[in-house]
Amino acid sequence: ATRCIAHHILLETGKTKLHITTERGDLYAHDAGDGLTSVNMGAPLL
């Protein structure tokens, strides 16, 4: 869902990178090209 929303907002705003806040913490997303979107889901908790 974060990836889908990031893609939507990137198209909406014309930005290439996003800073997204969630309960999980700060996440970052960017357009990866070829119709793909990348999101940094943060460090795993172990």
All heavy atoms as atom14 arrays in JSON, in Angstrom:
{
  "sequence": "ATRCIAHHILLETGKTKLHITTERGDLYAHDAGDGLTSVNMGAPLL",
  "atom14_mask": [
    [1, 1, 1, 1, 1, 0, 0, 0, 0, 0, 0, 0, 0, 0],
    [1, 1, 1, 1, 1, 1, 1, 0, 0, 0, 0, 0, 0, 0],
    [1, 1, 1, 1, 1, 1, 1, 1, 1, 1, 1, 0, 0, 0],
    [1, 1, 1, 1, 1, 1, 0, 0, 0, 0, 0, 0, 0, 0],
    [1, 1, 1, 1, 1, 1, 1, 1, 0, 0, 0, 0, 0, 0],
    [1, 1, 1, 1, 1, 0, 0, 0, 0, 0, 0, 0, 0, 0],
    [1, 1, 1, 1, 1, 1, 1, 1, 1, 1, 0, 0, 0, 0],
    [1, 1, 1, 1, 1, 1, 1, 1, 1, 1, 0, 0, 0, 0],
    [1, 1, 1, 1, 1, 1, 1, 1, 0, 0, 0, 0, 0, 0],
    [1, 1, 1, 1, 1, 1, 1, 1, 0, 0, 0, 0, 0, 0],
    [1, 1, 1, 1, 1, 1, 1, 1, 0, 0, 0, 0, 0, 0],
    [1, 1, 1, 1, 1, 1, 1, 1, 1, 0, 0, 0, 0, 0],
    [1, 1, 1, 1, 1, 1, 1, 0, 0, 0, 0, 0, 0, 0],
    [1, 1, 1, 1, 0, 0, 0, 0, 0, 0, 0, 0, 0, 0],
    [1, 1, 1, 1, 1, 1, 1, 1, 1, 0, 0, 0, 0, 0],
    [1, 1, 1, 1, 1, 1, 1, 0, 0, 0, 0, 0, 0, 0],
    [1, 1, 1, 1, 1, 1, 1, 1, 1, 0, 0, 0, 0, 0],
    [1, 1, 1, 1, 1, 1, 1, 1, 0, 0, 0, 0, 0, 0],
    [1, 1, 1, 1, 1, 1, 1, 1, 1, 1, 0, 0, 0, 0],
    [1, 1, 1, 1, 1, 1, 1, 1, 0, 0, 0, 0, 0, 0],
    [1, 1, 1, 1, 1, 1, 1, 0, 0, 0, 0, 0, 0, 0],
    [1, 1, 1, 1, 1, 1, 1, 0, 0, 0, 0, 0, 0, 0],
    [1, 1, 1, 1, 1, 1, 1, 1, 1, 0, 0, 0, 0, 0],
    [1, 1, 1, 1, 1, 1, 1, 1, 1, 1, 1, 0, 0, 0],
    [1, 1, 1, 1, 0, 0, 0, 0, 0, 0, 0, 0, 0, 0],
    [1, 1, 1, 1, 1, 1, 1, 1, 0, 0, 0, 0, 0, 0],
    [1, 1, 1, 1, 1, 1, 1, 1, 0, 0, 0, 0, 0, 0],
    [1, 1, 1, 1, 1, 1, 1, 1, 1, 1, 1, 1, 0, 0],
    [1, 1, 1, 1, 1, 0, 0, 0, 0, 0, 0, 0, 0, 0],
    [1, 1, 1, 1, 1, 1, 1, 1, 1, 1, 0, 0, 0, 0],
    [1, 1, 1, 1, 1, 1, 1, 1, 0, 0, 0, 0, 0, 0],
    [1, 1, 1, 1, 1, 0, 0, 0, 0, 0, 0, 0, 0, 0],
    [1, 1, 1, 1, 0, 0, 0, 0, 0, 0, 0, 0, 0, 0],
    [1, 1, 1, 1, 1, 1, 1, 1, 0, 0, 0, 0, 0, 0],
    [1, 1, 1, 1, 0, 0, 0, 0, 0, 0, 0, 0, 0, 0],
    [1, 1, 1, 1, 1, 1, 1, 1, 0, 0, 0, 0, 0, 0],
    [1, 1, 1, 1, 1, 1, 1, 0, 0, 0, 0, 0, 0, 0],
    [1, 1, 1, 1, 1, 1, 0, 0, 0, 0, 0, 0, 0, 0],
    [1, 1, 1, 1, 1, 1, 1, 0, 0, 0, 0, 0, 0, 0],
    [1, 1, 1, 1, 1, 1, 1, 1, 0, 0, 0, 0, 0, 0],
    [1, 1, 1, 1, 1, 1, 1, 1, 0, 0, 0, 0, 0, 0],
    [1, 1, 1, 1, 0, 0, 0, 0, 0, 0, 0, 0, 0, 0],
    [1, 1, 1, 1, 1, 0, 0, 0, 0, 0, 0, 0, 0, 0],
    [1, 1, 1, 1, 1, 1, 1, 0, 0, 0, 0, 0, 0, 0],
    [1, 1, 1, 1, 1, 1, 1, 1, 0, 0, 0, 0, 0, 0],
    [1, 1, 1, 1, 1, 1, 1, 1, 0, 0, 0, 0, 0, 0]
  ],
  "atom14_positions": [
    [[0.84, -1.2, 0.0], [0.0, 0.0, 0.0], [0.87, 1.25, 0.0], [0.57, 2.23, -0.7], [-0.93, 0.0, 1.21], [0.0, 0.0, 0.0], [0.0, 0.0, 0.0], [0.0, 0.0, 0.0], [0.0, 0.0, 0.0], [0.0, 0.0, 0.0], [0.0, 0.0, 0.0], [0.0, 0.0, 0.0], [0.0, 0.0, 0.0], [0.0, 0.0, 0.0]],
    [[1.94, 1.24, 0.77], [2.86, 2.39, 0.79], [3.43, 2.63, -0.59], [3.53, 3.78, -1.05], [4.0, 2.14, 1.79], [3.44, 1.91, 3.09], [4.95, 3.33, 1.85], [0.0, 0.0, 0.0], [0.0, 0.0, 0.0], [0.0, 0.0, 0.0], [0.0, 0.0, 0.0], [0.0, 0.0, 0.0], [0.0, 0.0, 0.0], [0.0, 0.0, 0.0]],
    [[3.77, 1.55, -1.28], [4.32, 1.68, -2.63], [3.28, 2.24, -3.6], [3.57, 3.1, -4.43], [4.82, 0.3, -3.08], [5.93, 0.32, -4.09], [6.66, -1.01, -4.13], [5.8, -2.15, -3.95], [4.98, -2.62, -4.89], [4.93, -2.04, -6.06], [4.23, -3.68, -4.65], [0.0, 0.0, 0.0], [0.0, 0.0, 0.0], [0.0, 0.0, 0.0]],
    [[2.03, 1.74, -3.49], [0.96, 2.24, -4.36], [0.71, 3.73, -4.13], [0.59, 4.51, -5.08], [-0.33, 1.45, -4.1], [-0.35, -0.21, -4.8], [0.0, 0.0, 0.0], [0.0, 0.0, 0.0], [0.0, 0.0, 0.0], [0.0, 0.0, 0.0], [0.0, 0.0, 0.0], [0.0, 0.0, 0.0], [0.0, 0.0, 0.0], [0.0, 0.0, 0.0]],
    [[0.63, 4.12, -2.87], [0.37, 5.52, -2.55], [1.54, 6.4, -2.99], [1.35, 7.51, -3.51], [0.1, 5.67, -1.05], [-1.22, 4.97, -0.7], [0.07, 7.13, -0.63], [-1.41, 4.7, 0.77], [0.0, 0.0, 0.0], [0.0, 0.0, 0.0], [0.0, 0.0, 0.0], [0.0, 0.0, 0.0], [0.0, 0.0, 0.0], [0.0, 0.0, 0.0]],
    [[2.75, 5.9, -2.78], [3.92, 6.66, -3.23], [3.86, 6.91, -4.73], [4.1, 8.04, -5.21], [5.21, 5.91, -2.87], [0.0, 0.0, 0.0], [0.0, 0.0, 0.0], [0.0, 0.0, 0.0], [0.0, 0.0, 0.0], [0.0, 0.0, 0.0], [0.0, 0.0, 0.0], [0.0, 0.0, 0.0], [0.0, 0.0, 0.0], [0.0, 0.0, 0.0]],
    [[3.51, 5.88, -5.5], [3.41, 6.05, -6.95], [2.35, 7.1, -7.29], [2.58, 7.97, -8.15], [3.05, 4.71, -7.6], [2.87, 4.79, -9.08], [3.92, 4.92, -9.96], [1.75, 4.76, -9.85], [3.47, 4.98, -11.2], [2.16, 4.89, -11.16], [0.0, 0.0, 0.0], [0.0, 0.0, 0.0], [0.0, 0.0, 0.0], [0.0, 0.0, 0.0]],
    [[1.21, 7.03, -6.62], [0.13, 8.0, -6.86], [0.58, 9.43, -6.56], [0.33, 10.34, -7.37], [-1.07, 7.63, -5.98], [-2.14, 8.67, -5.94], [-2.96, 8.95, -7.01], [-2.51, 9.53, -4.94], [-3.8, 9.93, -6.68], [-3.55, 10.29, -5.43], [0.0, 0.0, 0.0], [0.0, 0.0, 0.0], [0.0, 0.0, 0.0], [0.0, 0.0, 0.0]],
    [[1.25, 9.63, -5.43], [1.64, 10.99, -5.05], [2.79, 11.5, -5.92], [2.86, 12.69, -6.25], [2.01, 11.06, -3.55], [0.76, 10.74, -2.71], [2.57, 12.42, -3.17], [1.02, 10.72, -1.22], [0.0, 0.0, 0.0], [0.0, 0.0, 0.0], [0.0, 0.0, 0.0], [0.0, 0.0, 0.0], [0.0, 0.0, 0.0], [0.0, 0.0, 0.0]],
    [[3.68, 10.61, -6.33], [4.74, 11.02, -7.25], [4.15, 11.54, -8.56], [4.59, 12.56, -9.1], [5.68, 9.84, -7.52], [6.62, 9.43, -6.38], [7.31, 8.1, -6.7], [7.66, 10.5, -6.09], [0.0, 0.0, 0.0], [0.0, 0.0, 0.0], [0.0, 0.0, 0.0], [0.0, 0.0, 0.0], [0.0, 0.0, 0.0], [0.0, 0.0, 0.0]],
    [[3.11, 10.86, -9.06], [2.44, 11.33, -10.27], [1.68, 12.63, -10.0], [1.69, 13.55, -10.84], [1.46, 10.26, -10.77], [2.07, 9.0, -11.38], [0.96, 8.02, -11.76], [2.91, 9.33, -12.61], [0.0, 0.0, 0.0], [0.0, 0.0, 0.0], [0.0, 0.0, 0.0], [0.0, 0.0, 0.0], [0.0, 0.0, 0.0], [0.0, 0.0, 0.0]],
    [[1.05, 12.72, -8.85], [0.24, 13.89, -8.5], [1.09, 15.15, -8.37], [0.69, 16.24, -8.8], [-0.47, 13.6, -7.18], [-1.26, 14.76, -6.59], [-1.78, 14.43, -5.2], [-0.96, 14.43, -4.24], [-2.98, 14.16, -5.08], [0.0, 0.0, 0.0], [0.0, 0.0, 0.0], [0.0, 0.0, 0.0], [0.0, 0.0, 0.0], [0.0, 0.0, 0.0]],
    [[2.27, 15.0, -7.79], [3.1, 16.16, -7.46], [4.22, 16.43, -8.46], [4.79, 17.53, -8.49], [3.74, 15.99, -6.08], [4.6, 14.83, -6.09], [2.68, 15.81, -5.0], [0.0, 0.0, 0.0], [0.0, 0.0, 0.0], [0.0, 0.0, 0.0], [0.0, 0.0, 0.0], [0.0, 0.0, 0.0], [0.0, 0.0, 0.0], [0.0, 0.0, 0.0]],
    [[4.56, 15.42, -9.25], [5.69, 15.55, -10.16], [7.03, 15.38, -9.47], [8.09, 15.56, -10.09], [0.0, 0.0, 0.0], [0.0, 0.0, 0.0], [0.0, 0.0, 0.0], [0.0, 0.0, 0.0], [0.0, 0.0, 0.0], [0.0, 0.0, 0.0], [0.0, 0.0, 0.0], [0.0, 0.0, 0.0], [0.0, 0.0, 0.0], [0.0, 0.0, 0.0]],
    [[7.0, 15.01, -8.18], [8.25, 14.77, -7.46], [8.88, 13.44, -7.89], [8.21, 12.58, -8.46], [8.01, 14.77, -5.95], [7.56, 16.1, -5.38], [7.41, 16.03, -3.86], [7.07, 17.38, -3.27], [6.94, 17.34, -1.79], [0.0, 0.0, 0.0], [0.0, 0.0, 0.0], [0.0, 0.0, 0.0], [0.0, 0.0, 0.0], [0.0, 0.0, 0.0]],
    [[10.14, 13.28, -7.58], [10.83, 12.01, -7.87], [11.12, 11.23, -6.59], [11.44, 10.04, -6.64], [12.14, 12.25, -8.62], [12.97, 13.13, -7.84], [11.87, 12.87, -9.98], [0.0, 0.0, 0.0], [0.0, 0.0, 0.0], [0.0, 0.0, 0.0], [0.0, 0.0, 0.0], [0.0, 0.0, 0.0], [0.0, 0.0, 0.0], [0.0, 0.0, 0.0]],
    [[11.02, 11.93, -5.43], [11.28, 11.28, -4.15], [10.23, 11.76, -3.14], [9.72, 12.87, -3.24], [12.68, 11.63, -3.63], [13.81, 11.13, -4.51], [15.17, 11.51, -3.92], [16.3, 11.02, -4.8], [17.64, 11.39, -4.24], [0.0, 0.0, 0.0], [0.0, 0.0, 0.0], [0.0, 0.0, 0.0], [0.0, 0.0, 0.0], [0.0, 0.0, 0.0]],
    [[9.92, 10.89, -2.16], [8.94, 11.23, -1.14], [9.44, 10.85, 0.24], [10.18, 9.87, 0.41], [7.63, 10.47, -1.38], [6.74, 10.88, -2.55], [5.52, 9.96, -2.59], [6.33, 12.33, -2.46], [0.0, 0.0, 0.0], [0.0, 0.0, 0.0], [0.0, 0.0, 0.0], [0.0, 0.0, 0.0], [0.0, 0.0, 0.0], [0.0, 0.0, 0.0]],
    [[8.99, 11.63, 1.22], [9.21, 11.34, 2.64], [7.83, 11.04, 3.23], [6.96, 11.91, 3.27], [9.87, 12.54, 3.32], [10.0, 12.4, 4.8], [10.28, 13.47, 5.63], [9.88, 11.33, 5.64], [10.34, 13.07, 6.89], [10.08, 11.78, 6.92], [0.0, 0.0, 0.0], [0.0, 0.0, 0.0], [0.0, 0.0, 0.0], [0.0, 0.0, 0.0]],
    [[7.63, 9.82, 3.69], [6.34, 9.35, 4.2], [6.48, 9.04, 5.68], [7.43, 8.36, 6.09], [5.88, 8.09, 3.44], [5.75, 8.39, 1.95], [4.58, 7.54, 4.0], [5.63, 7.15, 1.08], [0.0, 0.0, 0.0], [0.0, 0.0, 0.0], [0.0, 0.0, 0.0], [0.0, 0.0, 0.0], [0.0, 0.0, 0.0], [0.0, 0.0, 0.0]],
    [[5.54, 9.52, 6.48], [5.56, 9.19, 7.91], [4.46, 8.18, 8.2], [3.36, 8.24, 7.64], [5.41, 10.43, 8.8], [4.18, 11.1, 8.5], [6.56, 11.41, 8.56], [0.0, 0.0, 0.0], [0.0, 0.0, 0.0], [0.0, 0.0, 0.0], [0.0, 0.0, 0.0], [0.0, 0.0, 0.0], [0.0, 0.0, 0.0], [0.0, 0.0, 0.0]],
    [[4.76, 7.22, 9.09], [3.83, 6.16, 9.49], [4.09, 5.81, 10.94], [5.06, 6.27, 11.55], [4.02, 4.89, 8.64], [5.28, 4.28, 8.99], [4.02, 5.18, 7.15], [0.0, 0.0, 0.0], [0.0, 0.0, 0.0], [0.0, 0.0, 0.0], [0.0, 0.0, 0.0], [0.0, 0.0, 0.0], [0.0, 0.0, 0.0], [0.0, 0.0, 0.0]],
    [[3.23, 4.96, 11.49], [3.47, 4.42, 12.83], [4.8, 3.68, 12.87], [5.5, 3.66, 13.87], [2.33, 3.48, 13.22], [2.49, 2.85, 14.59], [1.39, 1.84, 14.88], [0.23, 2.11, 14.54], [1.71, 0.78, 15.46], [0.0, 0.0, 0.0], [0.0, 0.0, 0.0], [0.0, 0.0, 0.0], [0.0, 0.0, 0.0], [0.0, 0.0, 0.0]],
    [[5.17, 3.08, 11.76], [6.43, 2.36, 11.62], [7.63, 3.3, 11.72], [8.72, 2.92, 12.11], [6.41, 1.62, 10.28], [7.75, 1.19, 9.71], [8.33, 0.04, 10.46], [9.42, -0.58, 9.75], [10.52, -1.05, 10.34], [10.68, -0.93, 11.64], [11.47, -1.62, 9.64], [0.0, 0.0, 0.0], [0.0, 0.0, 0.0], [0.0, 0.0, 0.0]],
    [[7.42, 4.57, 11.35], [8.5, 5.54, 11.34], [8.57, 6.24, 10.0], [7.62, 6.21, 9.2], [0.0, 0.0, 0.0], [0.0, 0.0, 0.0], [0.0, 0.0, 0.0], [0.0, 0.0, 0.0], [0.0, 0.0, 0.0], [0.0, 0.0, 0.0], [0.0, 0.0, 0.0], [0.0, 0.0, 0.0], [0.0, 0.0, 0.0], [0.0, 0.0, 0.0]],
    [[9.69, 6.89, 9.72], [9.87, 7.61, 8.46], [10.27, 6.64, 7.36], [11.23, 5.87, 7.5], [10.96, 8.67, 8.62], [10.53, 9.81, 9.53], [9.33, 9.93, 9.8], [11.42, 10.56, 9.99], [0.0, 0.0, 0.0], [0.0, 0.0, 0.0], [0.0, 0.0, 0.0], [0.0, 0.0, 0.0], [0.0, 0.0, 0.0], [0.0, 0.0, 0.0]],
    [[9.53, 6.69, 6.26], [9.81, 5.86, 5.1], [10.1, 6.76, 3.91], [9.59, 7.88, 3.83], [8.61, 4.95, 4.78], [8.08, 4.08, 5.92], [6.89, 3.25, 5.44], [9.16, 3.19, 6.51], [0.0, 0.0, 0.0], [0.0, 0.0, 0.0], [0.0, 0.0, 0.0], [0.0, 0.0, 0.0], [0.0, 0.0, 0.0], [0.0, 0.0, 0.0]],
    [[10.9, 6.26, 2.99], [11.29, 7.06, 1.82], [11.02, 6.25, 0.56], [11.22, 5.03, 0.53], [12.76, 7.46, 1.92], [13.03, 8.33, 3.13], [13.34, 7.76, 4.36], [12.89, 9.71, 3.05], [13.55, 8.55, 5.49], [13.09, 10.51, 4.16], [13.41, 9.93, 5.38], [13.59, 10.72, 6.49], [0.0, 0.0, 0.0], [0.0, 0.0, 0.0]],
    [[10.55, 6.94, -0.47], [10.17, 6.27, -1.7], [10.68, 7.05, -2.9], [10.88, 8.27, -2.83], [8.65, 6.13, -1.79], [0.0, 0.0, 0.0], [0.0, 0.0, 0.0], [0.0, 0.0, 0.0], [0.0, 0.0, 0.0], [0.0, 0.0, 0.0], [0.0, 0.0, 0.0], [0.0, 0.0, 0.0], [0.0, 0.0, 0.0], [0.0, 0.0, 0.0]],
    [[10.87, 6.35, -4.02], [11.24, 7.03, -5.26], [10.79, 6.2, -6.46], [10.52, 5.0, -6.35], [12.75, 7.29, -5.33], [13.6, 6.06, -5.37], [13.82, 5.35, -6.52], [14.3, 5.42, -4.39], [14.62, 4.32, -6.26], [14.92, 4.33, -4.97], [0.0, 0.0, 0.0], [0.0, 0.0, 0.0], [0.0, 0.0, 0.0], [0.0, 0.0, 0.0]],
    [[10.7, 6.87, -7.58], [10.36, 6.23, -8.84], [11.58, 5.41, -9.29], [12.68, 5.95, -9.45], [10.01, 7.3, -9.88], [9.56, 6.72, -11.21], [9.72, 5.51, -11.44], [9.04, 7.49, -12.04], [0.0, 0.0, 0.0], [0.0, 0.0, 0.0], [0.0, 0.0, 0.0], [0.0, 0.0, 0.0], [0.0, 0.0, 0.0], [0.0, 0.0, 0.0]],
    [[11.38, 4.11, -9.5], [12.49, 3.23, -9.89], [12.56, 3.04, -11.4], [13.43, 2.31, -11.89], [12.35, 1.88, -9.19], [0.0, 0.0, 0.0], [0.0, 0.0, 0.0], [0.0, 0.0, 0.0], [0.0, 0.0, 0.0], [0.0, 0.0, 0.0], [0.0, 0.0, 0.0], [0.0, 0.0, 0.0], [0.0, 0.0, 0.0], [0.0, 0.0, 0.0]],
    [[11.66, 3.68, -12.15], [11.66, 3.53, -13.6], [10.96, 2.27, -14.05], [10.69, 1.35, -13.26], [0.0, 0.0, 0.0], [0.0, 0.0, 0.0], [0.0, 0.0, 0.0], [0.0, 0.0, 0.0], [0.0, 0.0, 0.0], [0.0, 0.0, 0.0], [0.0, 0.0, 0.0], [0.0, 0.0, 0.0], [0.0, 0.0, 0.0], [0.0, 0.0, 0.0]],
    [[10.62, 2.2, -15.32], [9.95, 1.04, -15.93], [8.66, 0.68, -15.21], [8.31, -0.51, -15.11], [10.9, -0.18, -15.94], [12.13, 0.05, -16.8], [12.01, 0.71, -17.84], [13.22, -0.43, -16.41], [0.0, 0.0, 0.0], [0.0, 0.0, 0.0], [0.0, 0.0, 0.0], [0.0, 0.0, 0.0], [0.0, 0.0, 0.0], [0.0, 0.0, 0.0]],
    [[7.95, 1.68, -14.68], [6.69, 1.42, -14.01], [6.82, 0.87, -12.6], [5.81, 0.45, -12.0], [0.0, 0.0, 0.0], [0.0, 0.0, 0.0], [0.0, 0.0, 0.0], [0.0, 0.0, 0.0], [0.0, 0.0, 0.0], [0.0, 0.0, 0.0], [0.0, 0.0, 0.0], [0.0, 0.0, 0.0], [0.0, 0.0, 0.0], [0.0, 0.0, 0.0]],
    [[8.02, 0.88, -12.05], [8.26, 0.33, -10.71], [8.47, 1.46, -9.7], [8.94, 2.53, -10.03], [9.48, -0.59, -10.72], [9.46, -1.75, -11.7], [10.77, -2.55, -11.6], [8.27, -2.65, -11.46], [0.0, 0.0, 0.0], [0.0, 0.0, 0.0], [0.0, 0.0, 0.0], [0.0, 0.0, 0.0], [0.0, 0.0, 0.0], [0.0, 0.0, 0.0]],
    [[8.1, 1.18, -8.46], [8.29, 2.12, -7.36], [9.04, 1.43, -6.24], [8.75, 0.27, -5.91], [6.94, 2.64, -6.84], [6.2, 3.2, -7.92], [7.13, 3.69, -5.76], [0.0, 0.0, 0.0], [0.0, 0.0, 0.0], [0.0, 0.0, 0.0], [0.0, 0.0, 0.0], [0.0, 0.0, 0.0], [0.0, 0.0, 0.0], [0.0, 0.0, 0.0]],
    [[10.01, 2.14, -5.65], [10.8, 1.6, -4.54], [10.46, 2.34, -3.25], [10.32, 3.56, -3.24], [12.3, 1.75, -4.82], [12.72, 0.93, -5.88], [0.0, 0.0, 0.0], [0.0, 0.0, 0.0], [0.0, 0.0, 0.0], [0.0, 0.0, 0.0], [0.0, 0.0, 0.0], [0.0, 0.0, 0.0], [0.0, 0.0, 0.0], [0.0, 0.0, 0.0]],
    [[10.35, 1.57, -2.18], [10.11, 2.14, -0.85], [11.1, 1.53, 0.12], [11.31, 0.31, 0.14], [8.67, 1.87, -0.36], [8.49, 2.32, 1.08], [7.66, 2.56, -1.25], [0.0, 0.0, 0.0], [0.0, 0.0, 0.0], [0.0, 0.0, 0.0], [0.0, 0.0, 0.0], [0.0, 0.0, 0.0], [0.0, 0.0, 0.0], [0.0, 0.0, 0.0]],
    [[11.7, 2.37, 0.95], [12.55, 1.91, 2.04], [11.66, 1.66, 3.24], [11.12, 2.59, 3.84], [13.62, 2.94, 2.37], [14.57, 2.47, 3.46], [14.35, 1.46, 4.12], [15.66, 3.2, 3.64], [0.0, 0.0, 0.0], [0.0, 0.0, 0.0], [0.0, 0.0, 0.0], [0.0, 0.0, 0.0], [0.0, 0.0, 0.0], [0.0, 0.0, 0.0]],
    [[11.48, 0.39, 3.63], [10.57, 0.03, 4.71], [11.25, 0.1, 6.08], [10.65, -0.3, 7.08], [10.01, -1.37, 4.47], [9.1, -1.47, 3.25], [7.69, -0.32, 3.32], [6.83, -0.91, 4.77], [0.0, 0.0, 0.0], [0.0, 0.0, 0.0], [0.0, 0.0, 0.0], [0.0, 0.0, 0.0], [0.0, 0.0, 0.0], [0.0, 0.0, 0.0]],
    [[12.46, 0.63, 6.13], [13.14, 0.79, 7.4], [13.92, -0.45, 7.82], [13.87, -1.49, 7.17], [0.0, 0.0, 0.0], [0.0, 0.0, 0.0], [0.0, 0.0, 0.0], [0.0, 0.0, 0.0], [0.0, 0.0, 0.0], [0.0, 0.0, 0.0], [0.0, 0.0, 0.0], [0.0, 0.0, 0.0], [0.0, 0.0, 0.0], [0.0, 0.0, 0.0]],
    [[14.63, -0.32, 8.92], [15.44, -1.44, 9.42], [14.55, -2.5, 10.05], [13.57, -2.17, 10.73], [16.46, -0.94, 10.44], [0.0, 0.0, 0.0], [0.0, 0.0, 0.0], [0.0, 0.0, 0.0], [0.0, 0.0, 0.0], [0.0, 0.0, 0.0], [0.0, 0.0, 0.0], [0.0, 0.0, 0.0], [0.0, 0.0, 0.0], [0.0, 0.0, 0.0]],
    [[14.87, -3.79, 9.86], [14.08, -4.83, 10.52], [14.34, -4.83, 12.02], [15.43, -4.46, 12.48], [14.61, -6.11, 9.87], [16.02, -5.79, 9.47], [15.98, -4.33, 9.07], [0.0, 0.0, 0.0], [0.0, 0.0, 0.0], [0.0, 0.0, 0.0], [0.0, 0.0, 0.0], [0.0, 0.0, 0.0], [0.0, 0.0, 0.0], [0.0, 0.0, 0.0]],
    [[13.34, -5.21, 12.78], [13.47, -5.37, 14.23], [13.62, -6.86, 14.51], [12.78, -7.66, 14.11], [12.25, -4.8, 14.95], [11.94, -3.32, 14.65], [10.68, -2.89, 15.38], [13.11, -2.43, 15.03], [0.0, 0.0, 0.0], [0.0, 0.0, 0.0], [0.0, 0.0, 0.0], [0.0, 0.0, 0.0], [0.0, 0.0, 0.0], [0.0, 0.0, 0.0]],
    [[14.69, -7.2, 15.22], [15.06, -8.61, 15.36], [15.05, -9.13, 16.79], [15.16, -10.34, 17.01], [16.47, -8.84, 14.76], [16.66, -8.33, 13.31], [18.1, -8.55, 12.87], [15.69, -9.02, 12.36], [0.0, 0.0, 0.0], [0.0, 0.0, 0.0], [0.0, 0.0, 0.0], [0.0, 0.0, 0.0], [0.0, 0.0, 0.0], [0.0, 0.0, 0.0]]
  ]
}
